[in-house]
Amino acid sequence: MSELKRIVSLLNKISELEKYKKMWENFWRDFDIVYDLLSFQKKYLGPRFREQLLYRKNIIEKEAEE
């Protein structure tokens, strides 16, 4: 009977590890997507795009203050 409890305990641990494995797979998939987007922005949009965003942000903040 103790062997059966041990086997059940091991199966529970395995299922828990499978859950964490799936979480890590999802994390790395999302990380790859974000990394690809950031590298695309850096390569194709460049600093001019970031400057435009900051300029627009500053304009919106100034309008909000008025």
C-alpha atoms as a PDB file:
ATOM      1  CA  MET A   1       0.000   0.000   0.000  1.00  0.00           C
ATOM      2  CA  SER A   2       2.842   2.401   0.734  1.00  0.00           C
ATOM      3  CA  GLU A   3       4.220   1.681  -2.732  1.00  0.00           C
ATOM      4  CA  LEU A   4       0.901   2.707  -4.236  1.00  0.00           C
ATOM      5  CA  LYS A   5       0.920   5.972  -2.275  1.00  0.00           C
ATOM      6  CA  ARG A   6       4.459   6.629  -3.438  1.00  0.00           C
ATOM      7  CA  ILE A   7       3.510   6.041  -7.068  1.00  0.00           C
ATOM      8  CA  VAL A   8       0.510   8.345  -6.764  1.00  0.00           C
ATOM      9  CA  SER A   9       2.686  10.994  -5.171  1.00  0.00           C
ATOM     10  CA  LEU A  10       5.204  10.733  -8.003  1.00  0.00           C
ATOM     11  CA  LEU A  11       2.436  10.984 -10.607  1.00  0.00           C
ATOM     12  CA  ASN A  12       1.131  14.127  -8.911  1.00  0.00           C
ATOM     13  CA  LYS A  13       4.589  15.656  -8.975  1.00  0.00           C
ATOM     14  CA  ILE A  14       4.983  14.790 -12.653  1.00  0.00           C
ATOM     15  CA  SER A  15       1.666  16.431 -13.521  1.00  0.00           C
ATOM     16  CA  GLU A  16       2.734  19.528 -11.574  1.00  0.00           C
ATOM     17  CA  LEU A  17       6.025  19.619 -13.474  1.00  0.00           C
ATOM     18  CA  GLU A  18       4.127  19.337 -16.754  1.00  0.00           C
ATOM     19  CA  LYS A  19       2.141  22.414 -15.732  1.00  0.00           C
ATOM     20  CA  TYR A  20       5.352  24.376 -15.057  1.00  0.00           C
ATOM     21  CA  LYS A  21       6.866  23.131 -18.299  1.00  0.00           C
ATOM     22  CA  LYS A  22       3.862  24.494 -20.198  1.00  0.00           C
ATOM     23  CA  MET A  23       4.169  27.824 -18.371  1.00  0.00           C
ATOM     24  CA  TRP A  24       7.849  28.109 -19.363  1.00  0.00           C
ATOM     25  CA  GLU A  25       7.056  27.217 -22.959  1.00  0.00           C
ATOM     26  CA  ASN A  26       4.443  29.976 -23.047  1.00  0.00           C
ATOM     27  CA  PHE A  27       6.877  32.412 -21.422  1.00  0.00           C
ATOM     28  CA  TRP A  28       9.611  31.736 -23.984  1.00  0.00           C
ATOM     29  CA  ARG A  29       7.131  31.934 -26.859  1.00  0.00           C
ATOM     30  CA  ASP A  30       5.957  35.345 -25.643  1.00  0.00           C
ATOM     31  CA  PHE A  31       9.549  36.429 -25.047  1.00  0.00           C
ATOM     32  CA  ASP A  32      10.468  35.500 -28.620  1.00  0.00           C
ATOM     33  CA  ILE A  33       7.513  37.494 -29.958  1.00  0.00           C
ATOM     34  CA  VAL A  34       8.437  40.598 -27.962  1.00  0.00           C
ATOM     35  CA  TYR A  35      12.121  40.278 -28.879  1.00  0.00           C
ATOM     36  CA  ASP A  36      11.230  40.009 -32.562  1.00  0.00           C
ATOM     37  CA  LEU A  37       9.035  43.101 -32.330  1.00  0.00           C
ATOM     38  CA  LEU A  38      11.740  45.104 -30.574  1.00  0.00           C
ATOM     39  CA  SER A  39      14.408  44.066 -33.058  1.00  0.00           C
ATOM     40  CA  PHE A  40      12.033  44.952 -35.914  1.00  0.00           C
ATOM     41  CA  GLN A  41      11.470  48.394 -34.386  1.00  0.00           C
ATOM     42  CA  LYS A  42      15.183  48.967 -33.975  1.00  0.00           C
ATOM     43  CA  LYS A  43      16.106  47.725 -37.430  1.00  0.00           C
ATOM     44  CA  TYR A  44      13.315  49.141 -39.591  1.00  0.00           C
ATOM     45  CA  LEU A  45      11.804  52.051 -37.698  1.00  0.00           C
ATOM     46  CA  GLY A  46      14.958  53.391 -36.146  1.00  0.00           C
ATOM     47  CA  PRO A  47      15.547  56.338 -33.865  1.00  0.00           C
ATOM     48  CA  ARG A  48      13.464  58.752 -35.950  1.00  0.00           C
ATOM     49  CA  PHE A  49      10.332  56.793 -35.074  1.00  0.00           C
ATOM     50  CA  ARG A  50      11.157  56.935 -31.361  1.00  0.00           C
ATOM     51  CA  GLU A  51      11.847  60.673 -31.635  1.00  0.00           C
ATOM     52  CA  GLN A  52       8.441  61.210 -33.241  1.00  0.00           C
ATOM     53  CA  LEU A  53       6.728  59.262 -30.471  1.00  0.00           C
ATOM     54  CA  LEU A  54       8.489  61.289 -27.787  1.00  0.00           C
ATOM     55  CA  TYR A  55       7.653  64.539 -29.600  1.00  0.00           C
ATOM     56  CA  ARG A  56       3.967  63.589 -29.799  1.00  0.00           C
ATOM     57  CA  LYS A  57       3.982  62.523 -26.149  1.00  0.00           C
ATOM     58  CA  ASN A  58       5.435  65.904 -25.142  1.00  0.00           C
ATOM     59  CA  ILE A  59       2.829  67.754 -27.182  1.00  0.00           C
ATOM     60  CA  ILE A  60       0.010  65.778 -25.566  1.00  0.00           C
ATOM     61  CA  GLU A  61       1.425  66.412 -22.093  1.00  0.00           C
ATOM     62  CA  LYS A  62       1.705  70.171 -22.785  1.00  0.00           C
ATOM     63  CA  GLU A  63      -1.878  70.282 -24.047  1.00  0.00           C
ATOM     64  CA  ALA A  64      -3.044  68.421 -20.938  1.00  0.00           C
ATOM     65  CA  GLU A  65      -1.322  70.970 -18.690  1.00  0.00           C
ATOM     66  CA  GLU A  66      -3.057  73.927 -20.382  1.00  0.00           C
END
